[in-house]
Amino acid sequence: MSIFNLSEHAAPYARAAPCSTTPPERDLTLTPRPRRFIDQLLDDVREQIQPHEAVVQEAVRRRKLVTEAARRRGGITSCFASGSLAHGTAICPIHRRDHGLDGDGGAILEPTAWPLLGPESGFGLGPEQVMEFYRESVQASLRVSGYPQATAEITKRAILVRFRSPLPGGEDPTVDLVLGLPRTAGGLWIPNTVQHSWNASDPQAHTRLFNGQKGPTTVTVLRAQTVRLAKAENKLTDPPPMCSFNVEALALLLLMHGAAGLPEALLMLWRGGAVDLRRGPTADPAGVSGPIKIKDRFAVATRWDANADRMQQALKPGTSDVDVRRLLRPLWPDYIAEDDRQASKARLAAGLRSNAQLFAAPAGGISVQAVGSPLKPTRAYGRH
């Protein structure tokens, strides 16, 4: 079962115990409601930006290969998963599958094995030497483990591993391995190779917060869905006006008690996020590192207000399906078709690319909807 599905409340969300004080009867995400056109439209967008389960599993497997290679080198107490894949907020747009996913993870260094490292050691040695030590080991291990073209390079924060072994759909998941030193005040010291130093952060706390410590399971799932759609809109421009983690942090701040549905949750995020950004940079949800850097928060606030205006208008009673599509298409132009006919063609094309089950439509033609008789997969459409 995929963690990227609308109706799921499974791993990793179901593992977390609810901690919200909101009574269940006030959690509007639990209230049954008729399926609206706007809900269907957003579900179609989510279907196009979510990664395939097989790709998610491969990204997780690659992350494990990297962390295990680092652990075998010694000097590491434990490893952890982090980033969007661990948060359930990763996106892999159907039009850019070749970009793959990032399987972010971390390894906690044993202080007694590295007594000269970090701000609390008394020596203050920077991260470059220890990063090179593990970079070389990880790259060598992967090249003899079925990835002869794999490369590992040092970036500002992590060891970036490229496997250079694309999957049939074009995805080639990478791994960012962060080496962290335990921090007395909580969290970790993580590398900053630009400044030859270490910065305070707590990626493990971020994962815990996203996977259940900020509301009941239904809220956690809805929040992740909202973030994925907001991230897709944020990447409409290149480069994006804000980092993906800033989107996640604002969602944690603003979506604690659920919403009537996914469109309402997006409205809450964009409208509330615009207000918060005008007040100042977004704080670290874990309270360990400084505020999240953003190039022009006032420009993002203006953009998010405009997004909220569109969503608010689309949610008004009496707004026609045609107008809902017209209002929302500029937010996700690659994923919302101009009309139903183009949408059907887009879904069929996506089904062909993703090897989905196809059906013989009663009125003739082929459909990816579960109507009519299922067609036997053949190489005529299969992966081609």
Protein backbone atom coordinates (compact mmCIF):
# COMPACT_ATOMS: atom_id res chain seq x y z
CA MET A 1 0.00 0.00 0.00
CA SER A 2 1.46 3.33 -1.06
CA ILE A 3 1.87 6.17 1.42
CA PHE A 4 1.03 8.53 -1.45
CA ASN A 5 -2.61 7.46 -1.80
CA LEU A 6 -5.52 9.73 -0.85
CA SER A 7 -7.53 7.13 1.07
CA GLU A 8 -4.65 5.55 2.94
CA HIS A 9 -3.76 5.95 6.55
CA ALA A 10 -1.00 3.37 6.47
CA ALA A 11 2.79 3.51 6.99
CA PRO A 12 4.45 5.70 7.92
CA TYR A 13 1.47 7.62 9.28
CA ALA A 14 -0.31 4.85 11.14
CA ARG A 15 2.74 4.16 13.30
CA ALA A 16 2.41 7.47 15.09
CA ALA A 17 0.11 7.90 18.08
CA PRO A 18 -2.29 10.86 17.85
CA CYS A 19 -1.34 13.69 20.19
CA SER A 20 -3.80 16.41 19.23
CA THR A 21 -6.23 17.68 21.86
CA THR A 22 -8.84 18.31 19.17
CA PRO A 23 -11.90 16.12 19.88
CA PRO A 24 -12.56 13.58 17.10
CA GLU A 25 -15.95 15.12 16.35
CA ARG A 26 -14.21 18.41 15.50
CA ASP A 27 -11.77 16.77 13.12
CA LEU A 28 -13.54 17.69 9.89
CA THR A 29 -11.42 15.28 7.85
CA LEU A 30 -13.47 12.48 9.41
CA THR A 31 -16.79 13.88 8.13
CA PRO A 32 -18.14 12.02 5.08
CA ARG A 33 -18.85 14.36 2.21
CA PRO A 34 -19.93 14.00 -1.42
CA ARG A 35 -17.10 13.91 -3.94
CA ARG A 36 -16.90 17.24 -5.74
CA PHE A 37 -15.40 18.09 -9.12
CA ILE A 38 -12.67 20.11 -7.41
CA ASP A 39 -11.69 17.06 -5.33
CA GLN A 40 -11.47 14.92 -8.48
CA LEU A 41 -9.39 17.57 -10.22
CA LEU A 42 -6.85 17.73 -7.39
CA ASP A 43 -6.75 13.94 -7.16
CA ASP A 44 -5.86 13.85 -10.86
CA VAL A 45 -2.99 16.25 -10.20
CA ARG A 46 -1.77 14.18 -7.25
CA GLU A 47 -1.85 11.03 -9.36
CA GLN A 48 0.44 12.66 -11.91
CA ILE A 49 3.00 13.98 -9.42
CA GLN A 50 3.21 11.05 -7.05
CA PRO A 51 6.07 8.58 -7.50
CA HIS A 52 5.29 4.98 -8.37
CA GLU A 53 5.44 2.58 -5.45
CA ALA A 54 8.17 0.53 -7.15
CA VAL A 55 10.30 3.67 -7.47
CA VAL A 56 9.74 4.55 -3.82
CA GLN A 57 10.83 1.06 -2.83
CA GLU A 58 13.94 1.33 -5.01
CA ALA A 59 14.83 4.71 -3.49
CA VAL A 60 14.47 3.23 0.00
CA ARG A 61 16.61 0.24 -1.02
CA ARG A 62 19.32 2.52 -2.38
CA ARG A 63 19.30 4.59 0.78
CA LYS A 64 19.80 1.41 2.79
CA LEU A 65 22.72 0.38 0.55
CA VAL A 66 24.41 3.71 1.19
CA THR A 67 23.88 3.77 4.96
CA GLU A 68 25.00 0.17 5.32
CA ALA A 69 28.14 0.88 3.30
CA ALA A 70 28.93 3.78 5.63
CA ARG A 71 28.28 1.72 8.76
CA ARG A 72 30.60 -1.03 7.61
CA ARG A 73 33.41 1.54 7.57
CA GLY A 74 32.96 2.00 11.33
CA GLY A 75 32.68 5.05 13.56
CA ILE A 76 28.87 5.31 13.24
CA THR A 77 26.36 4.60 16.01
CA SER A 78 23.12 4.60 13.99
CA CYS A 79 21.47 5.69 10.76
CA PHE A 80 18.10 7.28 9.99
CA ALA A 81 15.79 8.24 7.13
CA SER A 82 14.99 11.88 6.52
CA GLY A 83 13.69 14.30 3.93
CA SER A 84 10.61 14.22 1.75
CA LEU A 85 10.66 10.47 1.16
CA ALA A 86 10.57 9.81 4.91
CA HIS A 87 7.92 12.51 5.37
CA GLY A 88 5.64 11.11 2.65
CA THR A 89 5.85 14.40 0.74
CA ALA A 90 8.07 13.38 -2.18
CA ILE A 91 6.86 14.18 -5.68
CA CYS A 92 8.04 12.78 -9.01
CA PRO A 93 6.10 14.54 -11.79
CA ILE A 94 5.04 12.31 -14.64
CA HIS A 95 6.56 14.74 -17.16
CA ARG A 96 9.96 14.65 -15.44
CA ARG A 97 10.35 11.09 -14.22
CA ASP A 98 13.97 11.09 -15.34
CA HIS A 99 14.78 13.37 -12.42
CA GLY A 100 13.95 10.56 -10.01
CA LEU A 101 13.70 10.85 -6.23
CA ASP A 102 16.08 11.76 -3.43
CA GLY A 103 16.46 9.06 -0.78
CA ASP A 104 17.74 11.30 1.99
CA GLY A 105 19.28 9.68 5.04
CA GLY A 106 21.75 10.30 7.79
CA ALA A 107 24.43 8.60 9.85
CA ILE A 108 25.25 9.62 13.41
CA LEU A 109 28.98 9.65 14.10
CA GLU A 110 30.38 8.12 17.27
CA PRO A 111 32.01 11.03 19.18
CA THR A 112 34.68 8.80 20.75
CA ALA A 113 35.72 7.64 17.26
CA TRP A 114 35.97 11.24 16.05
CA PRO A 115 37.15 13.24 19.10
CA LEU A 116 38.47 16.19 17.09
CA LEU A 117 35.27 16.93 15.17
CA GLY A 118 32.68 19.60 15.80
CA PRO A 119 32.09 22.72 17.86
CA GLU A 120 31.88 20.79 21.15
CA SER A 121 35.12 18.83 20.76
CA GLY A 122 37.51 21.54 21.92
CA PHE A 123 39.37 21.26 18.60
CA GLY A 124 36.60 22.38 16.25
CA LEU A 125 37.70 20.31 13.26
CA GLY A 126 35.48 20.84 10.22
CA PRO A 127 33.55 18.14 8.32
CA GLU A 128 35.53 17.83 5.08
CA GLN A 129 37.96 15.09 6.09
CA VAL A 130 35.37 12.80 7.65
CA MET A 131 33.04 13.33 4.68
CA GLU A 132 35.82 12.34 2.27
CA PHE A 133 36.55 9.27 4.40
CA TYR A 134 32.99 7.99 4.01
CA ARG A 135 32.52 9.29 0.45
CA GLU A 136 35.36 7.14 -0.83
CA SER A 137 34.16 4.09 1.08
CA VAL A 138 30.53 4.41 -0.07
CA GLN A 139 31.47 4.90 -3.72
CA ALA A 140 33.81 1.90 -3.72
CA SER A 141 31.20 -0.30 -2.03
CA LEU A 142 28.45 0.58 -4.51
CA ARG A 143 30.65 -0.01 -7.53
CA VAL A 144 31.18 -3.62 -6.49
CA SER A 145 27.53 -4.06 -5.51
CA GLY A 146 25.91 -3.79 -8.91
CA TYR A 147 26.35 -0.09 -9.66
CA PRO A 148 29.67 0.21 -11.52
CA GLN A 149 28.90 3.78 -12.66
CA ALA A 150 27.93 5.06 -9.19
CA THR A 151 29.55 8.28 -8.02
CA ALA A 152 29.67 10.01 -4.66
CA GLU A 153 30.50 13.68 -4.22
CA ILE A 154 30.65 16.10 -1.32
CA THR A 155 28.09 18.91 -1.31
CA LYS A 156 27.46 21.66 1.22
CA ARG A 157 25.53 19.42 3.60
CA ALA A 158 25.90 15.82 2.50
CA ILE A 159 27.48 13.11 0.41
CA LEU A 160 25.46 13.00 -2.80
CA VAL A 161 25.34 9.54 -4.36
CA ARG A 162 24.31 9.12 -7.99
CA PHE A 163 23.72 5.53 -9.06
CA ARG A 164 23.54 6.22 -12.81
CA SER A 165 21.28 3.22 -13.28
CA PRO A 166 17.85 4.44 -14.47
CA LEU A 167 14.70 2.40 -13.94
CA PRO A 168 12.44 1.55 -16.92
CA GLY A 169 10.40 4.71 -16.35
CA GLY A 170 13.50 6.92 -16.43
CA GLU A 171 13.71 7.45 -12.66
CA ASP A 172 17.19 7.20 -11.16
CA PRO A 173 16.85 7.80 -7.38
CA THR A 174 19.82 9.48 -5.72
CA VAL A 175 20.80 9.46 -2.05
CA ASP A 176 21.96 12.35 0.14
CA LEU A 177 23.86 11.02 3.16
CA VAL A 178 24.23 13.54 5.98
CA LEU A 179 26.87 12.85 8.63
CA GLY A 180 25.77 14.20 12.02
CA LEU A 181 27.46 14.67 15.36
CA PRO A 182 25.35 14.41 18.54
CA ARG A 183 24.61 17.82 20.00
CA THR A 184 24.49 18.30 23.77
CA ALA A 185 21.49 20.64 23.56
CA GLY A 186 19.60 18.19 21.32
CA GLY A 187 19.61 17.38 17.65
CA LEU A 188 22.76 17.13 15.58
CA TRP A 189 25.66 19.13 14.26
CA ILE A 190 25.53 18.70 10.47
CA PRO A 191 28.19 19.71 7.91
CA ASN A 192 28.55 23.10 6.28
CA THR A 193 31.43 22.65 3.85
CA VAL A 194 31.02 26.19 2.49
CA GLN A 195 31.97 27.63 5.87
CA HIS A 196 34.17 24.64 6.87
CA SER A 197 32.05 24.25 9.99
CA TRP A 198 28.98 22.59 11.47
CA ASN A 199 25.41 23.87 11.93
CA ALA A 200 22.73 22.80 14.39
CA SER A 201 19.77 20.84 12.98
CA ASP A 202 17.42 18.01 13.89
CA PRO A 203 16.31 16.08 10.79
CA GLN A 204 15.08 13.20 12.95
CA ALA A 205 12.70 15.52 14.79
CA HIS A 206 11.38 16.84 11.47
CA THR A 207 10.48 13.31 10.43
CA ARG A 208 8.78 12.58 13.76
CA LEU A 209 6.73 15.77 13.49
CA PHE A 210 5.57 15.01 9.97
CA ASN A 211 4.73 11.41 10.77
CA GLY A 212 2.35 12.00 13.61
CA GLN A 213 3.38 14.39 16.35
CA LYS A 214 1.36 17.25 14.89
CA GLY A 215 -2.14 15.83 14.88
CA PRO A 216 -4.14 12.62 14.35
CA THR A 217 -3.45 10.25 11.50
CA THR A 218 -6.14 11.74 9.23
CA VAL A 219 -4.61 15.19 9.65
CA THR A 220 -1.11 13.85 9.00
CA VAL A 221 -2.19 12.24 5.73
CA LEU A 222 -4.11 15.30 4.56
CA ARG A 223 -1.16 17.54 5.43
CA ALA A 224 1.23 15.42 3.36
CA GLN A 225 -1.17 15.49 0.40
CA THR A 226 -1.45 19.26 0.70
CA VAL A 227 2.31 19.68 0.80
CA ARG A 228 2.77 17.60 -2.34
CA LEU A 229 0.35 19.78 -4.29
CA ALA A 230 1.87 22.98 -2.88
CA LYS A 231 5.36 21.76 -3.78
CA ALA A 232 4.25 21.08 -7.36
CA GLU A 233 2.89 24.64 -7.62
CA ASN A 234 6.08 26.00 -6.02
CA LYS A 235 8.14 24.30 -8.74
CA LEU A 236 6.11 25.93 -11.47
CA THR A 237 8.95 28.45 -11.74
CA ASP A 238 12.62 27.51 -12.00
CA PRO A 239 14.21 28.04 -9.60
CA PRO A 240 11.36 27.69 -7.11
CA PRO A 241 10.78 30.82 -4.99
CA MET A 242 11.14 28.84 -1.75
CA CYS A 243 12.70 25.55 -0.68
CA SER A 244 10.45 22.52 -0.24
CA PHE A 245 11.25 22.35 3.47
CA ASN A 246 9.79 25.83 3.92
CA VAL A 247 6.51 24.56 2.44
CA GLU A 248 6.57 21.62 4.85
CA ALA A 249 7.34 23.83 7.86
CA LEU A 250 4.42 26.14 7.11
CA ALA A 251 2.12 23.13 6.71
CA LEU A 252 3.18 21.88 10.13
CA LEU A 253 2.41 25.29 11.58
CA LEU A 254 -0.95 25.84 9.88
CA LEU A 255 -2.52 22.41 9.34
CA MET A 256 -2.75 20.97 12.83
CA HIS A 257 -6.48 20.26 13.10
CA GLY A 258 -7.45 19.19 9.62
CA ALA A 259 -9.77 20.78 7.08
CA ALA A 260 -13.01 19.92 5.32
CA GLY A 261 -11.05 18.58 2.38
CA LEU A 262 -7.91 18.92 0.30
CA PRO A 263 -8.96 22.16 -1.45
CA GLU A 264 -9.78 23.74 1.92
CA ALA A 265 -6.41 22.61 3.30
CA LEU A 266 -4.60 24.24 0.39
CA LEU A 267 -6.58 27.42 0.98
CA MET A 268 -5.56 27.38 4.65
CA LEU A 269 -1.90 26.82 3.78
CA TRP A 270 -1.66 29.50 1.13
CA ARG A 271 -3.66 32.14 2.97
CA GLY A 272 -2.11 31.50 6.36
CA GLY A 273 1.35 31.05 4.86
CA ALA A 274 1.14 34.44 3.15
CA VAL A 275 0.32 36.08 6.47
CA ASP A 276 3.13 34.27 8.27
CA LEU A 277 5.74 35.04 5.60
CA ARG A 278 4.97 38.75 5.81
CA ARG A 279 5.68 38.58 9.52
CA GLY A 280 9.10 37.06 9.02
CA PRO A 281 11.06 33.97 7.90
CA THR A 282 9.60 30.60 8.88
CA ALA A 283 11.01 29.13 12.09
CA ASP A 284 12.57 25.66 12.26
CA PRO A 285 9.75 23.30 13.37
CA ALA A 286 12.20 21.45 15.63
CA GLY A 287 13.41 24.68 17.25
CA VAL A 288 17.07 23.76 16.75
CA SER A 289 18.34 25.62 13.69
CA GLY A 290 17.73 29.22 12.68
CA PRO A 291 14.84 30.49 10.53
CA ILE A 292 14.56 28.98 7.05
CA LYS A 293 16.28 31.11 4.44
CA ILE A 294 14.16 32.49 1.63
CA LYS A 295 15.18 34.90 -1.12
CA ASP A 296 12.06 37.09 -1.22
CA ARG A 297 9.36 36.14 1.26
CA PHE A 298 7.16 39.11 0.30
CA ALA A 299 7.06 37.95 -3.32
CA VAL A 300 6.11 34.44 -2.16
CA ALA A 301 3.43 35.89 0.13
CA THR A 302 1.93 37.77 -2.81
CA ARG A 303 1.99 34.63 -4.93
CA TRP A 304 0.40 32.53 -2.20
CA ASP A 305 -2.34 35.12 -1.67
CA ALA A 306 -3.12 34.96 -5.39
CA ASN A 307 -3.22 31.14 -5.18
CA ALA A 308 -5.58 31.38 -2.22
CA ASP A 309 -7.83 33.81 -4.12
CA ARG A 310 -8.16 31.30 -6.95
CA MET A 311 -8.91 28.43 -4.59
CA GLN A 312 -11.41 30.49 -2.63
CA GLN A 313 -13.26 31.43 -5.80
CA ALA A 314 -13.22 27.81 -6.98
CA LEU A 315 -14.77 26.72 -3.67
CA LYS A 316 -17.65 29.20 -3.81
CA PRO A 317 -21.06 27.51 -4.05
CA GLY A 318 -22.41 27.64 -7.58
CA THR A 319 -19.01 27.82 -9.29
CA SER A 320 -19.30 25.69 -12.42
CA ASP A 321 -16.92 22.83 -13.20
CA VAL A 322 -15.68 24.79 -16.21
CA ASP A 323 -14.83 27.76 -14.00
CA VAL A 324 -13.18 25.54 -11.38
CA ARG A 325 -10.90 24.14 -14.07
CA ARG A 326 -10.21 27.62 -15.45
CA LEU A 327 -9.32 28.95 -12.00
CA LEU A 328 -7.01 26.12 -10.97
CA ARG A 329 -5.29 25.29 -14.24
CA PRO A 330 -2.75 28.19 -13.93
CA LEU A 331 -1.58 26.68 -10.62
CA TRP A 332 -0.77 23.28 -12.18
CA PRO A 333 -0.75 23.90 -15.97
CA ASP A 334 1.19 20.71 -16.70
CA TYR A 335 -1.37 18.54 -14.92
CA ILE A 336 -4.80 20.13 -15.47
CA ALA A 337 -6.11 19.91 -19.01
CA GLU A 338 -8.14 22.64 -20.67
CA ASP A 339 -11.23 20.42 -20.91
CA ASP A 340 -12.52 16.92 -20.17
CA ARG A 341 -11.52 15.57 -23.55
CA GLN A 342 -7.90 16.62 -23.12
CA ALA A 343 -8.00 15.30 -19.55
CA SER A 344 -9.09 11.86 -20.78
CA LYS A 345 -6.27 11.81 -23.32
CA ALA A 346 -3.78 12.86 -20.64
CA ARG A 347 -4.95 10.10 -18.27
CA LEU A 348 -4.67 7.51 -21.03
CA ALA A 349 -1.17 8.68 -21.94
CA ALA A 350 -0.17 8.56 -18.28
CA GLY A 351 -1.60 5.04 -17.99
CA LEU A 352 0.37 3.87 -20.99
CA ARG A 353 3.58 5.34 -19.57
CA SER A 354 3.02 3.82 -16.14
CA ASN A 355 1.95 0.32 -17.27
CA ALA A 356 -1.50 0.77 -15.71
CA GLN A 357 -4.36 -1.68 -16.29
CA LEU A 358 -6.34 -0.66 -19.36
CA PHE A 359 -10.03 -1.32 -20.08
CA ALA A 360 -12.17 -1.56 -23.19
CA ALA A 361 -14.65 1.28 -22.73
CA PRO A 362 -18.33 0.32 -23.34
CA ALA A 363 -18.71 3.19 -25.78
CA GLY A 364 -15.57 2.17 -27.65
CA GLY A 365 -11.93 2.99 -27.24
CA ILE A 366 -9.53 2.40 -24.36
CA SER A 367 -9.76 3.78 -20.83
CA VAL A 368 -7.71 3.67 -17.63
CA GLN A 369 -10.93 3.83 -15.62
CA ALA A 370 -12.28 0.54 -14.19
CA VAL A 371 -15.14 0.29 -16.68
CA GLY A 372 -15.77 -2.30 -19.34
CA SER A 373 -13.59 -5.35 -19.85
CA PRO A 374 -9.94 -5.34 -18.72
CA LEU A 375 -7.45 -5.70 -21.55
CA LYS A 376 -4.64 -8.21 -21.38
CA PRO A 377 -1.28 -6.41 -21.14
CA THR A 378 0.82 -6.87 -24.26
CA ARG A 379 4.04 -5.40 -25.54
CA ALA A 380 1.92 -3.35 -27.92
CA TYR A 381 1.38 -0.83 -25.12
CA GLY A 382 3.02 -2.30 -21.99
CA ARG A 383 6.06 -0.19 -21.17
CA HIS A 384 5.97 1.60 -24.49
